[in-house]
Amino acid sequence: LRKPDAGFSAAALAAVLFDDLRLPPDAHLKVAYSGGLDSHVLLHALAALRAKYRFSLGAMHVDHGLQPVSAGWGRHCARVCTALDVPLAVERIRVEGVADEGLEAAARRARYAALAAALAPGDILLTAHHCDDQAETVLLQLLRGTGIAGLAAMPAQADFGPGRIVRPLLGFSRAALHACAREHRLLWIEDPTNQALHLRRSFLRTEILPRLARHWPAHASLLARTARHAAEAMELLDAVAEADLA
């Protein structure tokens, strides 16, 4: 994928999708659209690419119902999608199992289940996870005492429900996406849970990673590189296991 410090643009996204990830140009793409900065930049760039490529484009917004303002976020997403001429499906879910799994894990499980159920065979779900998200995931997995599979963190693409899930922004930093959003004067939702320090990912993002950056300015790309190494190691282990089984 692209280098984490590369600038983001619609052209750079097209290079990742069709050169690096080799998606078919006539793919059926669905964006997991929260209304936040990252997914808004992804949706905006994809909408700009439709004139050149033949893919169909839709968006899906999951309303977890965990905050009183969540219905307003859905209306914001609907306005953005109307302006971009992108069909939007809103999935309202109920998050269960919080006592056993914790809020973050339970919400993630419910969200992914709803997204998978909404895909048709052959659909490709695009999420806006970027290099900094990958770095956070690696740290969270390390703190869980994970093995190689966990350290591989989020793959760039994988089977998902009846279709596939693709993360084309893993080679771009949060700063690059923010610069693109400012350039195009995009308006996005700021989720207050991003600052909720009782949530582990938010705590890492707010308290820990900025301190790491003082001594390791390239910490995000270095941690993401660890994920790539672990993914390559898993591929080799799987290949050896298949050969041994044969």
C-alpha atoms as a PDB file:
ATOM      1  CA  LEU A   1       0.000   0.000   0.000  1.00  0.00           C
ATOM      2  CA  ARG A   2       0.966   3.674  -0.171  1.00  0.00           C
ATOM      3  CA  LYS A   3       3.520   5.049   2.263  1.00  0.00           C
ATOM      4  CA  PRO A   4       1.911   6.345   5.508  1.00  0.00           C
ATOM      5  CA  ASP A   5       3.350   9.837   5.028  1.00  0.00           C
ATOM      6  CA  ALA A   6       1.993  10.188   1.493  1.00  0.00           C
ATOM      7  CA  GLY A   7      -0.529  12.907   0.771  1.00  0.00           C
ATOM      8  CA  PHE A   8      -4.100  11.774   0.227  1.00  0.00           C
ATOM      9  CA  SER A   9      -6.141  12.525  -2.893  1.00  0.00           C
ATOM     10  CA  ALA A  10      -8.748  10.834  -5.055  1.00  0.00           C
ATOM     11  CA  ALA A  11      -5.975   9.872  -7.485  1.00  0.00           C
ATOM     12  CA  ALA A  12      -3.943   8.284  -4.685  1.00  0.00           C
ATOM     13  CA  LEU A  13      -7.021   6.354  -3.557  1.00  0.00           C
ATOM     14  CA  ALA A  14      -7.617   5.100  -7.110  1.00  0.00           C
ATOM     15  CA  ALA A  15      -4.017   3.858  -7.266  1.00  0.00           C
ATOM     16  CA  VAL A  16      -4.524   1.856  -4.080  1.00  0.00           C
ATOM     17  CA  LEU A  17      -7.877   0.406  -5.116  1.00  0.00           C
ATOM     18  CA  PHE A  18      -7.115  -0.567  -8.672  1.00  0.00           C
ATOM     19  CA  ASP A  19      -3.314  -0.999  -8.705  1.00  0.00           C
ATOM     20  CA  ASP A  20      -2.387  -2.209  -5.208  1.00  0.00           C
ATOM     21  CA  LEU A  21      -5.556  -4.062  -4.247  1.00  0.00           C
ATOM     22  CA  ARG A  22      -6.550  -4.914  -7.834  1.00  0.00           C
ATOM     23  CA  LEU A  23     -10.261  -4.344  -7.403  1.00  0.00           C
ATOM     24  CA  PRO A  24     -12.311  -4.762 -10.577  1.00  0.00           C
ATOM     25  CA  PRO A  25     -13.195  -1.335 -12.007  1.00  0.00           C
ATOM     26  CA  ASP A  26     -16.877  -2.319 -12.215  1.00  0.00           C
ATOM     27  CA  ALA A  27     -17.034  -3.333  -8.530  1.00  0.00           C
ATOM     28  CA  HIS A  28     -20.047  -2.760  -6.300  1.00  0.00           C
ATOM     29  CA  LEU A  29     -18.578  -0.589  -3.529  1.00  0.00           C
ATOM     30  CA  LYS A  30     -20.288   0.194  -0.220  1.00  0.00           C
ATOM     31  CA  VAL A  31     -18.684   2.644   2.233  1.00  0.00           C
ATOM     32  CA  ALA A  32     -19.111   2.142   5.963  1.00  0.00           C
ATOM     33  CA  TYR A  33     -19.982   5.799   6.580  1.00  0.00           C
ATOM     34  CA  SER A  34     -20.058   6.992  10.189  1.00  0.00           C
ATOM     35  CA  GLY A  35     -20.122  10.676   9.277  1.00  0.00           C
ATOM     36  CA  GLY A  36     -16.727  11.192  10.904  1.00  0.00           C
ATOM     37  CA  LEU A  37     -13.716  12.734   9.214  1.00  0.00           C
ATOM     38  CA  ASP A  38     -12.111   9.536   7.910  1.00  0.00           C
ATOM     39  CA  SER A  39     -15.159   7.959   6.293  1.00  0.00           C
ATOM     40  CA  HIS A  40     -16.282  11.352   4.943  1.00  0.00           C
ATOM     41  CA  VAL A  41     -12.938  11.816   3.162  1.00  0.00           C
ATOM     42  CA  LEU A  42     -13.167   8.283   1.746  1.00  0.00           C
ATOM     43  CA  LEU A  43     -16.737   8.760   0.520  1.00  0.00           C
ATOM     44  CA  HIS A  44     -15.948  12.190  -0.951  1.00  0.00           C
ATOM     45  CA  ALA A  45     -12.937  10.829  -2.867  1.00  0.00           C
ATOM     46  CA  LEU A  46     -14.857   7.826  -4.192  1.00  0.00           C
ATOM     47  CA  ALA A  47     -17.693  10.042  -5.399  1.00  0.00           C
ATOM     48  CA  ALA A  48     -15.139  12.078  -7.355  1.00  0.00           C
ATOM     49  CA  LEU A  49     -13.778   8.928  -9.023  1.00  0.00           C
ATOM     50  CA  ARG A  50     -17.083   7.670 -10.430  1.00  0.00           C
ATOM     51  CA  ALA A  51     -16.770   9.773 -13.587  1.00  0.00           C
ATOM     52  CA  LYS A  52     -13.581   7.938 -14.556  1.00  0.00           C
ATOM     53  CA  TYR A  53     -14.253   4.415 -13.246  1.00  0.00           C
ATOM     54  CA  ARG A  54     -17.289   2.207 -13.676  1.00  0.00           C
ATOM     55  CA  PHE A  55     -17.908   1.134 -10.087  1.00  0.00           C
ATOM     56  CA  SER A  56     -21.251   1.542  -8.369  1.00  0.00           C
ATOM     57  CA  LEU A  57     -21.157   3.370  -5.050  1.00  0.00           C
ATOM     58  CA  GLY A  58     -23.364   3.240  -1.982  1.00  0.00           C
ATOM     59  CA  ALA A  59     -22.999   4.045   1.709  1.00  0.00           C
ATOM     60  CA  MET A  60     -24.113   2.362   4.918  1.00  0.00           C
ATOM     61  CA  HIS A  61     -24.500   4.142   8.248  1.00  0.00           C
ATOM     62  CA  VAL A  62     -24.870   2.147  11.467  1.00  0.00           C
ATOM     63  CA  ASP A  63     -26.780   3.857  14.283  1.00  0.00           C
ATOM     64  CA  HIS A  64     -25.779   2.135  17.524  1.00  0.00           C
ATOM     65  CA  GLY A  65     -28.362   4.073  19.514  1.00  0.00           C
ATOM     66  CA  LEU A  66     -25.832   4.607  22.295  1.00  0.00           C
ATOM     67  CA  GLN A  67     -26.075   8.406  22.380  1.00  0.00           C
ATOM     68  CA  PRO A  68     -29.097  10.746  22.281  1.00  0.00           C
ATOM     69  CA  VAL A  69     -27.646  12.602  19.274  1.00  0.00           C
ATOM     70  CA  SER A  70     -27.108   9.481  17.151  1.00  0.00           C
ATOM     71  CA  ALA A  71     -30.286  10.042  15.108  1.00  0.00           C
ATOM     72  CA  GLY A  72     -28.945  13.471  14.165  1.00  0.00           C
ATOM     73  CA  TRP A  73     -25.753  11.848  12.914  1.00  0.00           C
ATOM     74  CA  GLY A  74     -27.850   9.708  10.593  1.00  0.00           C
ATOM     75  CA  ARG A  75     -29.570  12.816   9.229  1.00  0.00           C
ATOM     76  CA  HIS A  76     -26.185  14.459   8.668  1.00  0.00           C
ATOM     77  CA  CYS A  77     -25.021  11.396   6.719  1.00  0.00           C
ATOM     78  CA  ALA A  78     -28.213  11.489   4.656  1.00  0.00           C
ATOM     79  CA  ARG A  79     -27.635  15.142   3.723  1.00  0.00           C
ATOM     80  CA  VAL A  80     -24.027  14.462   2.694  1.00  0.00           C
ATOM     81  CA  CYS A  81     -25.011  11.430   0.618  1.00  0.00           C
ATOM     82  CA  THR A  82     -27.809  13.363  -1.075  1.00  0.00           C
ATOM     83  CA  ALA A  83     -25.354  16.112  -2.018  1.00  0.00           C
ATOM     84  CA  LEU A  84     -22.925  13.504  -3.411  1.00  0.00           C
ATOM     85  CA  ASP A  85     -25.715  11.535  -5.142  1.00  0.00           C
ATOM     86  CA  VAL A  86     -24.787   8.396  -3.201  1.00  0.00           C
ATOM     87  CA  PRO A  87     -27.570   6.070  -1.991  1.00  0.00           C
ATOM     88  CA  LEU A  88     -27.480   5.601   1.775  1.00  0.00           C
ATOM     89  CA  ALA A  89     -28.806   2.763   3.916  1.00  0.00           C
ATOM     90  CA  VAL A  90     -29.157   3.411   7.655  1.00  0.00           C
ATOM     91  CA  GLU A  91     -28.950   0.342   9.888  1.00  0.00           C
ATOM     92  CA  ARG A  92     -30.248   0.837  13.428  1.00  0.00           C
ATOM     93  CA  ILE A  93     -28.912  -1.762  15.829  1.00  0.00           C
ATOM     94  CA  ARG A  94     -29.110  -2.727  19.463  1.00  0.00           C
ATOM     95  CA  VAL A  95     -25.801  -3.316  21.214  1.00  0.00           C
ATOM     96  CA  GLU A  96     -25.987  -6.314  23.533  1.00  0.00           C
ATOM     97  CA  GLY A  97     -23.409  -8.181  25.593  1.00  0.00           C
ATOM     98  CA  VAL A  98     -21.772  -5.058  27.035  1.00  0.00           C
ATOM     99  CA  ALA A  99     -21.447  -6.585  30.505  1.00  0.00           C
ATOM    100  CA  ASP A 100     -19.533  -9.572  29.129  1.00  0.00           C
ATOM    101  CA  GLU A 101     -17.517  -8.003  26.296  1.00  0.00           C
ATOM    102  CA  GLY A 102     -17.230  -4.336  27.209  1.00  0.00           C
ATOM    103  CA  LEU A 103     -18.814  -1.487  25.269  1.00  0.00           C
ATOM    104  CA  GLU A 104     -16.162  -1.220  22.535  1.00  0.00           C
ATOM    105  CA  ALA A 105     -16.113  -4.914  21.670  1.00  0.00           C
ATOM    106  CA  ALA A 106     -19.888  -5.336  21.858  1.00  0.00           C
ATOM    107  CA  ALA A 107     -20.521  -2.297  19.645  1.00  0.00           C
ATOM    108  CA  ARG A 108     -17.901  -3.450  17.131  1.00  0.00           C
ATOM    109  CA  ARG A 109     -19.389  -6.953  16.952  1.00  0.00           C
ATOM    110  CA  ALA A 110     -22.921  -5.601  16.451  1.00  0.00           C
ATOM    111  CA  ARG A 111     -21.741  -3.084  13.841  1.00  0.00           C
ATOM    112  CA  TYR A 112     -19.855  -5.620  11.755  1.00  0.00           C
ATOM    113  CA  ALA A 113     -22.753  -8.076  11.944  1.00  0.00           C
ATOM    114  CA  ALA A 114     -25.140  -5.415  10.634  1.00  0.00           C
ATOM    115  CA  LEU A 115     -22.760  -4.404   7.828  1.00  0.00           C
ATOM    116  CA  ALA A 116     -22.202  -8.013   6.758  1.00  0.00           C
ATOM    117  CA  ALA A 117     -25.935  -8.724   6.747  1.00  0.00           C
ATOM    118  CA  ALA A 118     -26.576  -5.700   4.516  1.00  0.00           C
ATOM    119  CA  LEU A 119     -24.129  -6.795   1.785  1.00  0.00           C
ATOM    120  CA  ALA A 120     -25.222  -8.591  -1.354  1.00  0.00           C
ATOM    121  CA  PRO A 121     -23.050 -11.365  -2.858  1.00  0.00           C
ATOM    122  CA  GLY A 122     -20.006  -9.789  -4.492  1.00  0.00           C
ATOM    123  CA  ASP A 123     -20.352  -6.434  -2.726  1.00  0.00           C
ATOM    124  CA  ILE A 124     -17.155  -4.838  -1.421  1.00  0.00           C
ATOM    125  CA  LEU A 125     -17.387  -2.987   1.881  1.00  0.00           C
ATOM    126  CA  LEU A 126     -14.851  -0.161   2.226  1.00  0.00           C
ATOM    127  CA  THR A 127     -13.903   1.075   5.675  1.00  0.00           C
ATOM    128  CA  ALA A 128     -11.845   4.182   6.431  1.00  0.00           C
ATOM    129  CA  HIS A 129      -9.310   2.639   8.830  1.00  0.00           C
ATOM    130  CA  HIS A 130      -5.964   4.382   8.345  1.00  0.00           C
ATOM    131  CA  CYS A 131      -2.357   3.972   9.466  1.00  0.00           C
ATOM    132  CA  ASP A 132      -2.947   5.493  12.911  1.00  0.00           C
ATOM    133  CA  ASP A 133      -5.905   3.167  13.503  1.00  0.00           C
ATOM    134  CA  GLN A 134      -3.675   0.232  12.587  1.00  0.00           C
ATOM    135  CA  ALA A 135      -1.031   1.399  15.062  1.00  0.00           C
ATOM    136  CA  GLU A 136      -3.653   1.619  17.814  1.00  0.00           C
ATOM    137  CA  THR A 137      -4.859  -1.876  16.986  1.00  0.00           C
ATOM    138  CA  VAL A 138      -1.337  -3.302  17.196  1.00  0.00           C
ATOM    139  CA  LEU A 139      -0.833  -1.752  20.636  1.00  0.00           C
ATOM    140  CA  LEU A 140      -4.216  -3.007  21.855  1.00  0.00           C
ATOM    141  CA  GLN A 141      -3.382  -6.504  20.637  1.00  0.00           C
ATOM    142  CA  LEU A 142       0.025  -6.393  22.345  1.00  0.00           C
ATOM    143  CA  LEU A 143      -1.637  -5.415  25.607  1.00  0.00           C
ATOM    144  CA  ARG A 144      -3.961  -8.406  25.247  1.00  0.00           C
ATOM    145  CA  GLY A 145      -0.951 -10.711  24.971  1.00  0.00           C
ATOM    146  CA  THR A 146      -1.865 -11.712  21.444  1.00  0.00           C
ATOM    147  CA  GLY A 147       0.038 -13.954  19.062  1.00  0.00           C
ATOM    148  CA  ILE A 148       1.073 -13.442  15.442  1.00  0.00           C
ATOM    149  CA  ALA A 149      -2.502 -13.464  14.127  1.00  0.00           C
ATOM    150  CA  GLY A 150      -3.455 -10.656  16.492  1.00  0.00           C
ATOM    151  CA  LEU A 151      -0.363  -8.625  15.684  1.00  0.00           C
ATOM    152  CA  ALA A 152      -1.290  -8.775  12.002  1.00  0.00           C
ATOM    153  CA  ALA A 153      -4.153  -6.467  13.078  1.00  0.00           C
ATOM    154  CA  MET A 154      -6.463  -5.333  10.264  1.00  0.00           C
ATOM    155  CA  PRO A 155      -5.873  -6.844   6.806  1.00  0.00           C
ATOM    156  CA  ALA A 156      -6.092  -4.640   3.735  1.00  0.00           C
ATOM    157  CA  GLN A 157      -8.769  -6.975   2.393  1.00  0.00           C
ATOM    158  CA  ALA A 158     -10.521 -10.152   3.478  1.00  0.00           C
ATOM    159  CA  ASP A 159     -13.686 -12.170   2.952  1.00  0.00           C
ATOM    160  CA  PHE A 160     -16.627 -10.596   4.756  1.00  0.00           C
ATOM    161  CA  GLY A 161     -20.142 -11.990   4.826  1.00  0.00           C
ATOM    162  CA  PRO A 162     -21.253 -12.657   1.243  1.00  0.00           C
ATOM    163  CA  GLY A 163     -18.669 -10.200  -0.104  1.00  0.00           C
ATOM    164  CA  ARG A 164     -15.328  -8.701   0.908  1.00  0.00           C
ATOM    165  CA  ILE A 165     -14.064  -5.998   3.241  1.00  0.00           C
ATOM    166  CA  VAL A 166     -11.360  -3.637   1.974  1.00  0.00           C
ATOM    167  CA  ARG A 167      -9.398  -1.027   3.924  1.00  0.00           C
ATOM    168  CA  PRO A 168      -7.773   1.194   1.278  1.00  0.00           C
ATOM    169  CA  LEU A 169      -6.545   3.903   3.685  1.00  0.00           C
ATOM    170  CA  LEU A 170      -4.118   1.818   5.765  1.00  0.00           C
ATOM    171  CA  GLY A 171      -1.229   3.464   3.942  1.00  0.00           C
ATOM    172  CA  PHE A 172      -2.364   7.002   4.821  1.00  0.00           C
ATOM    173  CA  SER A 173      -2.041   8.871   8.101  1.00  0.00           C
ATOM    174  CA  ARG A 174      -4.808  10.614  10.018  1.00  0.00           C
ATOM    175  CA  ALA A 175      -2.978  13.905   9.351  1.00  0.00           C
ATOM    176  CA  ALA A 176      -3.094  13.330   5.575  1.00  0.00           C
ATOM    177  CA  LEU A 177      -6.843  12.704   5.683  1.00  0.00           C
ATOM    178  CA  HIS A 178      -7.368  15.775   7.869  1.00  0.00           C
ATOM    179  CA  ALA A 179      -5.422  17.909   5.398  1.00  0.00           C
ATOM    180  CA  CYS A 180      -7.622  16.622   2.563  1.00  0.00           C
ATOM    181  CA  ALA A 181     -10.782  17.383   4.547  1.00  0.00           C
ATOM    182  CA  ARG A 182      -9.610  20.956   5.188  1.00  0.00           C
ATOM    183  CA  GLU A 183      -8.667  21.431   1.536  1.00  0.00           C
ATOM    184  CA  HIS A 184     -12.155  20.418   0.375  1.00  0.00           C
ATOM    185  CA  ARG A 185     -13.917  22.165   3.281  1.00  0.00           C
ATOM    186  CA  LEU A 186     -15.700  19.023   4.366  1.00  0.00           C
ATOM    187  CA  LEU A 187     -17.982  18.992   7.394  1.00  0.00           C
ATOM    188  CA  TRP A 188     -17.926  15.942   9.616  1.00  0.00           C
ATOM    189  CA  ILE A 189     -19.196  14.609  12.923  1.00  0.00           C
ATOM    190  CA  GLU A 190     -17.000  14.654  16.002  1.00  0.00           C
ATOM    191  CA  ASP A 191     -17.936  11.653  18.148  1.00  0.00           C
ATOM    192  CA  PRO A 192     -17.471  12.613  21.831  1.00  0.00           C
ATOM    193  CA  THR A 193     -16.503   9.027  22.678  1.00  0.00           C
ATOM    194  CA  ASN A 194     -13.209   9.682  20.886  1.00  0.00           C
ATOM    195  CA  GLN A 195     -12.262  11.680  23.987  1.00  0.00           C
ATOM    196  CA  ALA A 196     -13.732   9.212  26.500  1.00  0.00           C
ATOM    197  CA  LEU A 197     -10.659   8.075  28.419  1.00  0.00           C
ATOM    198  CA  HIS A 198     -12.438   5.105  30.004  1.00  0.00           C
ATOM    199  CA  LEU A 199     -12.498   3.507  26.530  1.00  0.00           C
ATOM    200  CA  ARG A 200      -9.206   1.782  25.803  1.00  0.00           C
ATOM    201  CA  ARG A 201      -8.723   2.879  22.204  1.00  0.00           C
ATOM    202  CA  SER A 202      -9.610   6.471  23.060  1.00  0.00           C
ATOM    203  CA  PHE A 203      -7.177   6.375  25.987  1.00  0.00           C
ATOM    204  CA  LEU A 204      -4.359   5.162  23.728  1.00  0.00           C
ATOM    205  CA  ARG A 205      -5.176   7.760  21.080  1.00  0.00           C
ATOM    206  CA  THR A 206      -5.467  10.676  23.487  1.00  0.00           C
ATOM    207  CA  GLU A 207      -2.947   9.924  26.234  1.00  0.00           C
ATOM    208  CA  ILE A 208      -0.356   7.411  25.038  1.00  0.00           C
ATOM    209  CA  LEU A 209       0.313   7.872  21.320  1.00  0.00           C
ATOM    210  CA  PRO A 210       1.009  11.630  21.547  1.00  0.00           C
ATOM    211  CA  ARG A 211       3.681  10.851  24.169  1.00  0.00           C
ATOM    212  CA  LEU A 212       5.195   8.139  21.979  1.00  0.00           C
ATOM    213  CA  ALA A 213       5.342  10.643  19.135  1.00  0.00           C
ATOM    214  CA  ARG A 214       7.722  12.857  21.125  1.00  0.00           C
ATOM    215  CA  HIS A 215      10.434  10.201  20.928  1.00  0.00           C
ATOM    216  CA  TRP A 216       9.259   8.171  17.911  1.00  0.00           C
ATOM    217  CA  PRO A 217       7.688  10.616  15.413  1.00  0.00           C
ATOM    218  CA  ALA A 218       7.154   7.743  12.948  1.00  0.00           C
ATOM    219  CA  HIS A 219       5.579   5.475  15.581  1.00  0.00           C
ATOM    220  CA  ALA A 220       2.354   4.922  13.616  1.00  0.00           C
ATOM    221  CA  SER A 221       4.071   3.768  10.442  1.00  0.00           C
ATOM    222  CA  LEU A 222       6.491   1.617  12.473  1.00  0.00           C
ATOM    223  CA  LEU A 223       3.687  -0.124  14.336  1.00  0.00           C
ATOM    224  CA  ALA A 224       1.781  -0.591  11.070  1.00  0.00           C
ATOM    225  CA  ARG A 225       4.933  -2.148   9.621  1.00  0.00           C
ATOM    226  CA  THR A 226       4.900  -4.626  12.498  1.00  0.00           C
ATOM    227  CA  ALA A 227       1.371  -5.588  11.458  1.00  0.00           C
ATOM    228  CA  ARG A 228       2.546  -6.179   7.884  1.00  0.00           C
ATOM    229  CA  HIS A 229       5.440  -8.353   9.080  1.00  0.00           C
ATOM    230  CA  ALA A 230       3.075 -10.384  11.259  1.00  0.00           C
ATOM    231  CA  ALA A 231       0.635 -10.813   8.354  1.00  0.00           C
ATOM    232  CA  GLU A 232       3.462 -12.071   6.129  1.00  0.00           C
ATOM    233  CA  ALA A 233       4.553 -14.486   8.872  1.00  0.00           C
ATOM    234  CA  MET A 234       0.998 -15.799   9.145  1.00  0.00           C
ATOM    235  CA  GLU A 235       0.872 -16.386   5.389  1.00  0.00           C
ATOM    236  CA  LEU A 236       4.118 -18.366   5.576  1.00  0.00           C
ATOM    237  CA  LEU A 237       2.896 -20.400   8.541  1.00  0.00           C
ATOM    238  CA  ASP A 238      -0.357 -21.185   6.744  1.00  0.00           C
ATOM    239  CA  ALA A 239       1.538 -22.247   3.612  1.00  0.00           C
ATOM    240  CA  VAL A 240       3.831 -24.529   5.621  1.00  0.00           C
ATOM    241  CA  ALA A 241       0.862 -26.004   7.518  1.00  0.00           C
ATOM    242  CA  GLU A 242      -0.976 -26.728   4.257  1.00  0.00           C
ATOM    243  CA  ALA A 243       2.133 -28.396   2.837  1.00  0.00           C
ATOM    244  CA  ASP A 244       2.578 -30.492   5.979  1.00  0.00           C
ATOM    245  CA  LEU A 245      -1.084 -31.501   5.933  1.00  0.00           C
ATOM    246  CA  ALA A 246      -0.812 -32.559   2.286  1.00  0.00           C
END
